[in-house]
Amino acid sequence: MHRNTGIRIFSLGLFLLFWHSLSVWLGDPQVLPSPAQVSNEMSVLWHQGKLQENLAATGWRVAAAFGLAMIIGGVLGYAMGRSDTVDAWLDPWLIIFLNLPALVLIVLCYLWVGLNEFAAVLAVTLSKVPMTTTIIREGSRNASSALRDLASVYRLSLLTRLRHIVLPELFPHIVSAARTGFSVIWKIVLVVEFLGRPNGIGRQIHTQFSLFDVTGVLAYALSFVICILFIEFAIMQPSEKRVGRWRVDAEA
C-alpha cells in the first residue's frame, strides 16, 4: 500500500518535471506555461473567488446528472435483466442512445428545452443512462435465482429483499457503473458548459480559449482534474477494494 503510494507520487513528480522541462525548452509561456505559472494563476483565481464559484457550479451539475443517471439506469437495467419482455421493448432504445453522440444530445436538448440548467443536466443524464443500464442489466441477469426463491419461501418484504439480496448482489456492478460513468460524465458536463452555460469550468475554458490564454485554460482545467483525482482516490478506489473484499469473503 505504502509502496504503491510512493510510486504514484514519484510518477506525478516525473510528469511535473516533464511538463516543466518541455515548457523551458519551448521558451514561450503563451504556448506552454510552466507548472509554477499555472499554479500561480490558480492561486490568483482562488483568492478572487472565481475558482470556487465555477467549481461549485460544475460540481453541482456533475452530482445532479450522476445521481439521476445512476437511479434511472439502475431501475431500467434491473428491470431489463429480470424480464425478457421489458428487455425486448427497451433494448432498441438502449442501442440507439448508446450509439448517439453526446454532442448531438446536448445540442438537441438546448434546441428543444432551451439554454437553461434543466437542459444541461438532462443532456448529461441522457448520455450516462445507457451505460449504467447496460452494466446493471448484466449484473441483474447473473444474479442468483436460488436466493430469490429463498426470499419467496420466507415471504421477505420488498424492502428486505432489496437491502439484503438485490443490492449486495448488484453492488459490484453498481460500483463499476459508477466508476466508468463518472470518468465520462464530468467531461460531458464541461462540453455542456462550453456550449451553453454562463458559469462553470467548461464556460471559463471557453472564455480563456477566446482570449488565447493557455495559462487560464490550464488553471481551470487542472483545478477540476485535482477534484476528480481526489474523488477517484478517496471514494472510487476504496469502494472498488471493498467490492473485492466482498467477493473474497463470499468465495470463502
Protein backbone atom coordinates (compact mmCIF):
# COMPACT_ATOMS: atom_id res chain seq x y z
CA MET A 1 0.00 0.00 0.00
CA HIS A 2 2.72 2.44 1.05
CA ARG A 3 4.88 1.31 -1.85
CA ASN A 4 2.11 2.00 -4.37
CA THR A 5 1.51 5.42 -2.86
CA GLY A 6 5.20 6.22 -3.23
CA ILE A 7 5.15 5.08 -6.85
CA ARG A 8 2.16 7.31 -7.61
CA ILE A 9 3.84 10.32 -6.03
CA PHE A 10 7.07 9.64 -7.90
CA SER A 11 5.15 9.21 -11.17
CA LEU A 12 3.36 12.52 -10.61
CA GLY A 13 6.71 14.16 -9.93
CA LEU A 14 8.05 12.82 -13.23
CA PHE A 15 5.02 14.24 -15.03
CA LEU A 16 5.57 17.68 -13.50
CA LEU A 17 9.28 17.50 -14.33
CA PHE A 18 8.49 16.59 -17.93
CA TRP A 19 5.97 19.44 -18.13
CA HIS A 20 8.48 21.93 -16.70
CA SER A 21 11.26 20.74 -19.00
CA LEU A 22 9.03 20.99 -22.07
CA SER A 23 7.95 24.48 -21.03
CA VAL A 24 11.59 25.59 -20.65
CA TRP A 25 12.52 24.01 -23.98
CA LEU A 26 9.69 25.79 -25.81
CA GLY A 27 10.55 29.03 -24.05
CA ASP A 28 7.14 30.63 -24.61
CA PRO A 29 4.57 30.76 -21.77
CA GLN A 30 1.91 31.70 -24.33
CA VAL A 31 2.34 28.23 -25.81
CA LEU A 32 3.01 26.17 -22.69
CA PRO A 33 3.32 27.85 -19.29
CA SER A 34 5.29 26.11 -16.57
CA PRO A 35 3.61 24.29 -13.65
CA ALA A 36 4.63 27.17 -11.38
CA GLN A 37 2.92 29.73 -13.63
CA VAL A 38 -0.28 27.68 -13.80
CA SER A 39 -0.18 27.16 -10.03
CA ASN A 40 0.21 30.90 -9.51
CA GLU A 41 -2.78 31.57 -11.82
CA MET A 42 -4.86 29.07 -9.84
CA SER A 43 -3.90 30.86 -6.63
CA VAL A 44 -4.96 34.23 -8.08
CA LEU A 45 -8.29 32.82 -9.26
CA TRP A 46 -8.84 31.22 -5.85
CA HIS A 47 -8.26 34.49 -3.98
CA GLN A 48 -10.61 36.25 -6.38
CA GLY A 49 -13.29 33.64 -5.64
CA LYS A 50 -13.72 32.74 -9.29
CA LEU A 51 -12.30 29.24 -8.93
CA GLN A 52 -14.58 28.21 -6.08
CA GLU A 53 -17.65 29.67 -7.79
CA ASN A 54 -17.10 27.81 -11.05
CA LEU A 55 -16.00 24.59 -9.37
CA ALA A 56 -19.21 24.63 -7.34
CA ALA A 57 -21.35 25.19 -10.46
CA THR A 58 -19.68 22.34 -12.34
CA GLY A 59 -19.69 20.07 -9.31
CA TRP A 60 -23.44 20.58 -8.84
CA ARG A 61 -24.15 19.64 -12.45
CA VAL A 62 -21.93 16.57 -12.23
CA ALA A 63 -23.59 15.44 -8.98
CA ALA A 64 -27.14 16.04 -10.24
CA ALA A 65 -26.64 14.28 -13.58
CA PHE A 66 -24.65 11.45 -11.98
CA GLY A 67 -27.28 10.80 -9.32
CA LEU A 68 -30.18 10.85 -11.77
CA ALA A 69 -28.35 8.64 -14.27
CA MET A 70 -27.47 6.05 -11.62
CA ILE A 71 -31.05 5.90 -10.30
CA ILE A 72 -32.75 5.78 -13.71
CA GLY A 73 -30.17 3.48 -15.25
CA GLY A 74 -30.22 1.21 -12.20
CA VAL A 75 -34.01 0.80 -12.29
CA LEU A 76 -34.11 0.25 -16.06
CA GLY A 77 -31.15 -2.12 -16.01
CA TYR A 78 -32.60 -4.22 -13.21
CA ALA A 79 -35.99 -4.41 -14.93
CA MET A 80 -34.41 -5.40 -18.26
CA GLY A 81 -32.25 -8.03 -16.60
CA ARG A 82 -35.14 -9.65 -14.75
CA SER A 83 -37.75 -9.54 -17.54
CA ASP A 84 -37.22 -10.70 -21.12
CA THR A 85 -40.32 -8.79 -22.17
CA VAL A 86 -39.08 -5.50 -20.74
CA ASP A 87 -35.67 -6.16 -22.28
CA ALA A 88 -37.23 -6.76 -25.70
CA TRP A 89 -39.16 -3.49 -25.50
CA LEU A 90 -36.30 -1.32 -24.27
CA ASP A 91 -33.27 -2.90 -25.96
CA PRO A 92 -33.71 -0.99 -29.28
CA TRP A 93 -33.95 2.28 -27.35
CA LEU A 94 -30.82 1.35 -25.41
CA ILE A 95 -28.87 0.61 -28.58
CA ILE A 96 -29.93 3.92 -30.14
CA PHE A 97 -28.90 6.00 -27.12
CA LEU A 98 -25.66 4.06 -26.66
CA ASN A 99 -24.61 5.00 -30.18
CA LEU A 100 -25.97 8.55 -30.20
CA PRO A 101 -23.08 11.02 -29.73
CA ALA A 102 -23.23 13.10 -26.56
CA LEU A 103 -22.72 16.26 -28.61
CA VAL A 104 -25.94 15.56 -30.54
CA LEU A 105 -27.89 15.06 -27.31
CA ILE A 106 -26.51 18.29 -25.88
CA VAL A 107 -27.40 20.33 -28.96
CA LEU A 108 -30.89 18.82 -29.22
CA CYS A 109 -31.63 19.41 -25.54
CA TYR A 110 -30.56 23.05 -25.85
CA LEU A 111 -32.66 23.48 -29.01
CA TRP A 112 -35.76 21.77 -27.62
CA VAL A 113 -35.67 22.79 -23.95
CA GLY A 114 -33.64 25.99 -24.10
CA LEU A 115 -30.33 27.27 -22.78
CA ASN A 116 -31.13 26.56 -19.15
CA GLU A 117 -29.99 24.43 -16.24
CA PHE A 118 -32.62 21.75 -16.78
CA ALA A 119 -31.50 21.18 -20.38
CA ALA A 120 -27.86 20.96 -19.30
CA VAL A 121 -28.49 18.33 -16.63
CA LEU A 122 -30.94 16.45 -18.89
CA ALA A 123 -28.38 16.20 -21.70
CA VAL A 124 -25.69 14.80 -19.41
CA THR A 125 -28.14 12.40 -17.75
CA LEU A 126 -29.34 11.02 -21.09
CA SER A 127 -25.73 10.49 -22.14
CA LYS A 128 -24.95 8.49 -18.98
CA VAL A 129 -28.14 6.41 -18.52
CA PRO A 130 -27.49 3.89 -21.34
CA MET A 131 -24.07 2.92 -19.96
CA THR A 132 -25.44 2.45 -16.45
CA THR A 133 -28.42 0.48 -17.75
CA THR A 134 -26.20 -1.90 -19.71
CA ILE A 135 -23.92 -2.67 -16.76
CA ILE A 136 -26.74 -3.14 -14.25
CA ARG A 137 -28.68 -5.29 -16.72
CA GLU A 138 -25.78 -7.74 -16.95
CA GLY A 139 -25.48 -7.85 -13.18
CA SER A 140 -29.20 -8.50 -12.81
CA ARG A 141 -29.06 -11.31 -15.37
CA ASN A 142 -26.26 -13.03 -13.46
CA ALA A 143 -27.99 -12.72 -10.09
CA SER A 144 -28.64 -15.88 -8.10
CA SER A 145 -32.13 -17.28 -8.61
CA ALA A 146 -31.71 -19.54 -5.54
CA LEU A 147 -31.57 -16.55 -3.21
CA ARG A 148 -34.72 -15.12 -4.77
CA ASP A 149 -36.52 -18.43 -4.38
CA LEU A 150 -35.44 -18.49 -0.74
CA ALA A 151 -36.78 -14.96 -0.27
CA SER A 152 -40.11 -16.06 -1.75
CA VAL A 153 -40.30 -19.08 0.54
CA TYR A 154 -39.75 -16.94 3.63
CA ARG A 155 -42.01 -14.21 2.22
CA LEU A 156 -39.49 -11.46 2.77
CA SER A 157 -40.75 -7.93 2.27
CA LEU A 158 -39.74 -5.92 -0.79
CA LEU A 159 -37.52 -3.65 1.32
CA THR A 160 -35.79 -6.63 2.97
CA ARG A 161 -35.16 -8.26 -0.40
CA LEU A 162 -33.78 -5.03 -1.77
CA ARG A 163 -31.48 -4.47 1.20
CA HIS A 164 -30.19 -8.00 1.81
CA ILE A 165 -30.34 -9.66 -1.61
CA VAL A 166 -30.67 -7.30 -4.57
CA LEU A 167 -28.26 -4.54 -3.57
CA PRO A 168 -25.46 -6.84 -2.28
CA GLU A 169 -25.61 -8.87 -5.49
CA LEU A 170 -25.61 -5.78 -7.71
CA PHE A 171 -23.08 -3.81 -5.65
CA PRO A 172 -20.02 -4.79 -7.77
CA HIS A 173 -21.89 -3.79 -10.92
CA ILE A 174 -23.14 -0.56 -9.32
CA VAL A 175 -19.56 0.38 -8.43
CA SER A 176 -18.42 -0.49 -11.94
CA ALA A 177 -21.20 1.63 -13.46
CA ALA A 178 -20.40 4.49 -11.10
CA ARG A 179 -16.69 4.45 -11.83
CA THR A 180 -16.94 4.16 -15.61
CA GLY A 181 -19.77 6.65 -15.73
CA PHE A 182 -18.08 9.20 -13.51
CA SER A 183 -14.96 9.13 -15.66
CA VAL A 184 -17.11 10.16 -18.63
CA ILE A 185 -19.83 12.32 -17.13
CA TRP A 186 -17.66 15.19 -15.94
CA LYS A 187 -16.15 15.51 -19.42
CA ILE A 188 -19.65 15.77 -20.89
CA VAL A 189 -20.54 18.42 -18.31
CA LEU A 190 -17.59 20.53 -19.47
CA VAL A 191 -18.86 20.31 -23.05
CA VAL A 192 -22.37 21.28 -21.91
CA GLU A 193 -20.97 24.32 -20.13
CA PHE A 194 -18.69 25.16 -23.04
CA LEU A 195 -21.67 25.31 -25.39
CA GLY A 196 -24.38 26.98 -23.37
CA ARG A 197 -23.94 27.82 -19.69
CA PRO A 198 -22.92 31.18 -18.16
CA ASN A 199 -20.67 29.63 -15.50
CA GLY A 200 -18.73 26.51 -14.67
CA ILE A 201 -15.27 25.22 -15.56
CA GLY A 202 -16.30 24.47 -19.14
CA ARG A 203 -17.55 28.02 -19.63
CA GLN A 204 -14.36 29.50 -18.20
CA ILE A 205 -12.28 27.31 -20.52
CA HIS A 206 -14.35 28.70 -23.40
CA THR A 207 -13.66 32.26 -22.21
CA GLN A 208 -9.93 31.66 -21.82
CA PHE A 209 -9.86 29.99 -25.23
CA SER A 210 -11.46 33.10 -26.75
CA LEU A 211 -8.67 35.16 -25.18
CA PHE A 212 -5.98 32.69 -26.33
CA ASP A 213 -4.91 32.41 -22.69
CA VAL A 214 -3.29 28.98 -22.33
CA THR A 215 -2.43 29.61 -18.68
CA GLY A 216 -6.07 30.33 -17.85
CA VAL A 217 -7.25 27.23 -19.71
CA LEU A 218 -4.80 25.00 -17.84
CA ALA A 219 -5.55 26.66 -14.48
CA TYR A 220 -9.29 26.00 -14.71
CA ALA A 221 -8.84 22.55 -16.24
CA LEU A 222 -6.30 21.35 -13.68
CA SER A 223 -8.34 22.67 -10.77
CA PHE A 224 -11.18 20.40 -11.76
CA VAL A 225 -8.85 17.50 -12.55
CA ILE A 226 -7.49 17.77 -9.00
CA CYS A 227 -11.04 17.49 -7.65
CA ILE A 228 -11.68 14.45 -9.84
CA LEU A 229 -8.45 12.79 -8.69
CA PHE A 230 -9.45 13.37 -5.07
CA ILE A 231 -12.81 11.67 -5.67
CA GLU A 232 -11.08 8.84 -7.52
CA PHE A 233 -8.57 8.07 -4.77
CA ALA A 234 -10.80 8.92 -1.78
CA ILE A 235 -14.08 7.33 -2.92
CA MET A 236 -13.93 5.28 -6.12
CA GLN A 237 -10.86 3.16 -5.44
CA PRO A 238 -11.75 2.40 -1.79
CA SER A 239 -15.24 1.36 -2.96
CA GLU A 240 -13.72 -0.92 -5.56
CA LYS A 241 -11.45 -2.51 -2.93
CA ARG A 242 -14.47 -3.04 -0.71
CA VAL A 243 -16.12 -4.90 -3.58
CA GLY A 244 -13.01 -7.05 -3.89
CA ARG A 245 -13.15 -7.96 -0.20
CA TRP A 246 -16.85 -8.76 -0.55
CA ARG A 247 -16.09 -11.20 -3.36
CA VAL A 248 -13.26 -12.86 -1.42
CA ASP A 249 -15.47 -13.28 1.66
CA ALA A 250 -18.28 -14.69 -0.49
CA GLU A 251 -15.97 -17.24 -2.13
CA ALA A 252 -14.53 -18.21 1.25
